[in-house]
Structures are given as C-alpha cells and as structure tokens.
Amino acid sequence: MATTIVRIGINYRTEVERATQFLEKYQDPVSGSQKPTVKYIEQIKEISQNQRDSITIELDDLKRVTIKLMQF
C-alpha cells in the first residue's frame, strides 16, 4: 500500500492551500486516473481548523494520501 506524506503547518493558511493544490493535481501513477477532490479539500480545511494531527485520505483501494499536520 503506497502512502504519500504531505506535511502542512496548521497555523498557516498557505500550507493548507499547498496541500489542497497537491490533491487537486493528484494523479494515480499506475492508472493515470484523477480522483475528485472536493470532499478531500473540505476535510483538509476542517482538520486545519480543529488542529488534528493527521488525516488519511483513501484515493482508491491501493492508494492513500496521508496529510500530516505539524506545528511549526
């Protein structure tokens, strides 16, 4: 199972936007398919507001993106 770690600072809106852009551009390297990301973007915004430390987004059965939030 492939996991991509994206680190974003929970205090910086630009970091949330950077993670959002990553998801908007995410493309499966094997199938080349691109997944809808609107709900994922909403989840990122929610966790940045709630200051949770991470969220794992299931893109499909084999791929995950783990958003790791760090205080910096």
C-alpha atoms as a PDB file:
ATOM      1  CA  MET A   1       0.000   0.000   0.000  1.00  0.00           C
ATOM      2  CA  ALA A   2       1.540   3.272  -1.125  1.00  0.00           C
ATOM      3  CA  THR A   3       1.236   6.241   1.178  1.00  0.00           C
ATOM      4  CA  THR A   4       2.241   9.770   0.327  1.00  0.00           C
ATOM      5  CA  ILE A   5       3.014  12.059   3.239  1.00  0.00           C
ATOM      6  CA  VAL A   6       2.179  15.719   2.823  1.00  0.00           C
ATOM      7  CA  ARG A   7       3.208  17.915   5.732  1.00  0.00           C
ATOM      8  CA  ILE A   8       1.321  21.127   6.297  1.00  0.00           C
ATOM      9  CA  GLY A   9       1.637  23.623   9.107  1.00  0.00           C
ATOM     10  CA  ILE A  10      -1.616  24.012  10.978  1.00  0.00           C
ATOM     11  CA  ASN A  11      -1.027  27.703  11.631  1.00  0.00           C
ATOM     12  CA  TYR A  12      -0.501  28.774   8.042  1.00  0.00           C
ATOM     13  CA  ARG A  13      -3.298  29.118   5.529  1.00  0.00           C
ATOM     14  CA  THR A  14      -0.789  28.944   2.680  1.00  0.00           C
ATOM     15  CA  GLU A  15       0.229  25.470   3.842  1.00  0.00           C
ATOM     16  CA  VAL A  16      -3.383  24.311   3.728  1.00  0.00           C
ATOM     17  CA  GLU A  17      -3.629  25.747   0.232  1.00  0.00           C
ATOM     18  CA  ARG A  18      -0.453  23.915  -0.776  1.00  0.00           C
ATOM     19  CA  ALA A  19      -1.864  20.589   0.399  1.00  0.00           C
ATOM     20  CA  THR A  20      -5.102  21.418  -1.395  1.00  0.00           C
ATOM     21  CA  GLN A  21      -3.188  22.059  -4.610  1.00  0.00           C
ATOM     22  CA  PHE A  22      -1.403  18.730  -4.195  1.00  0.00           C
ATOM     23  CA  LEU A  23      -4.729  16.924  -4.027  1.00  0.00           C
ATOM     24  CA  GLU A  24      -6.157  18.870  -6.950  1.00  0.00           C
ATOM     25  CA  LYS A  25      -3.229  17.746  -9.078  1.00  0.00           C
ATOM     26  CA  TYR A  26      -3.025  14.202  -7.692  1.00  0.00           C
ATOM     27  CA  GLN A  27      -2.864  11.628 -10.450  1.00  0.00           C
ATOM     28  CA  ASP A  28      -2.545   7.909  -9.907  1.00  0.00           C
ATOM     29  CA  PRO A  29       0.882   6.935 -11.267  1.00  0.00           C
ATOM     30  CA  VAL A  30      -0.317   3.477 -12.333  1.00  0.00           C
ATOM     31  CA  SER A  31      -3.743   4.029 -13.869  1.00  0.00           C
ATOM     32  CA  GLY A  32      -3.346   7.729 -14.639  1.00  0.00           C
ATOM     33  CA  SER A  33      -6.798   8.393 -13.236  1.00  0.00           C
ATOM     34  CA  GLN A  34      -7.540  11.515 -11.285  1.00  0.00           C
ATOM     35  CA  LYS A  35      -9.903  11.378  -8.315  1.00  0.00           C
ATOM     36  CA  PRO A  36     -12.457  14.031  -7.382  1.00  0.00           C
ATOM     37  CA  THR A  37     -11.016  16.043  -4.533  1.00  0.00           C
ATOM     38  CA  VAL A  38     -13.692  18.478  -3.382  1.00  0.00           C
ATOM     39  CA  LYS A  39     -14.576  16.447  -0.283  1.00  0.00           C
ATOM     40  CA  TYR A  40     -10.878  15.943   0.470  1.00  0.00           C
ATOM     41  CA  ILE A  41     -10.264  19.673   0.313  1.00  0.00           C
ATOM     42  CA  GLU A  42     -13.117  20.212   2.764  1.00  0.00           C
ATOM     43  CA  GLN A  43     -11.556  17.626   5.095  1.00  0.00           C
ATOM     44  CA  ILE A  44      -8.221  19.454   4.981  1.00  0.00           C
ATOM     45  CA  LYS A  45      -9.899  22.728   5.878  1.00  0.00           C
ATOM     46  CA  GLU A  46     -11.744  21.033   8.717  1.00  0.00           C
ATOM     47  CA  ILE A  47      -8.661  19.422  10.229  1.00  0.00           C
ATOM     48  CA  SER A  48      -6.682  22.635   9.969  1.00  0.00           C
ATOM     49  CA  GLN A  49      -9.404  24.374  11.966  1.00  0.00           C
ATOM     50  CA  ASN A  50      -9.691  21.561  14.513  1.00  0.00           C
ATOM     51  CA  GLN A  51      -5.906  21.171  14.759  1.00  0.00           C
ATOM     52  CA  ARG A  52      -5.942  17.403  14.459  1.00  0.00           C
ATOM     53  CA  ASP A  53      -2.514  15.963  13.830  1.00  0.00           C
ATOM     54  CA  SER A  54      -3.203  13.937  10.684  1.00  0.00           C
ATOM     55  CA  ILE A  55      -5.788  12.667   8.267  1.00  0.00           C
ATOM     56  CA  THR A  56      -5.574   9.793   5.822  1.00  0.00           C
ATOM     57  CA  ILE A  57      -7.484  10.141   2.587  1.00  0.00           C
ATOM     58  CA  GLU A  58      -8.387   6.994   0.681  1.00  0.00           C
ATOM     59  CA  LEU A  59      -7.982   7.749  -3.016  1.00  0.00           C
ATOM     60  CA  ASP A  60      -8.797   4.195  -4.067  1.00  0.00           C
ATOM     61  CA  ASP A  61      -8.260   0.632  -2.839  1.00  0.00           C
ATOM     62  CA  LEU A  62      -4.477   0.782  -3.058  1.00  0.00           C
ATOM     63  CA  LYS A  63      -3.554   4.439  -2.756  1.00  0.00           C
ATOM     64  CA  ARG A  64      -3.713   6.707   0.253  1.00  0.00           C
ATOM     65  CA  VAL A  65      -2.627  10.249   0.884  1.00  0.00           C
ATOM     66  CA  THR A  66      -1.783  10.971   4.497  1.00  0.00           C
ATOM     67  CA  ILE A  67      -1.921  14.624   5.395  1.00  0.00           C
ATOM     68  CA  LYS A  68       0.389  15.048   8.372  1.00  0.00           C
ATOM     69  CA  LEU A  69      -0.148  18.302  10.221  1.00  0.00           C
ATOM     70  CA  MET A  70       2.805  19.743  12.087  1.00  0.00           C
ATOM     71  CA  GLN A  71       3.132  22.740  14.333  1.00  0.00           C
ATOM     72  CA  PHE A  72       5.967  24.944  13.079  1.00  0.00           C
END
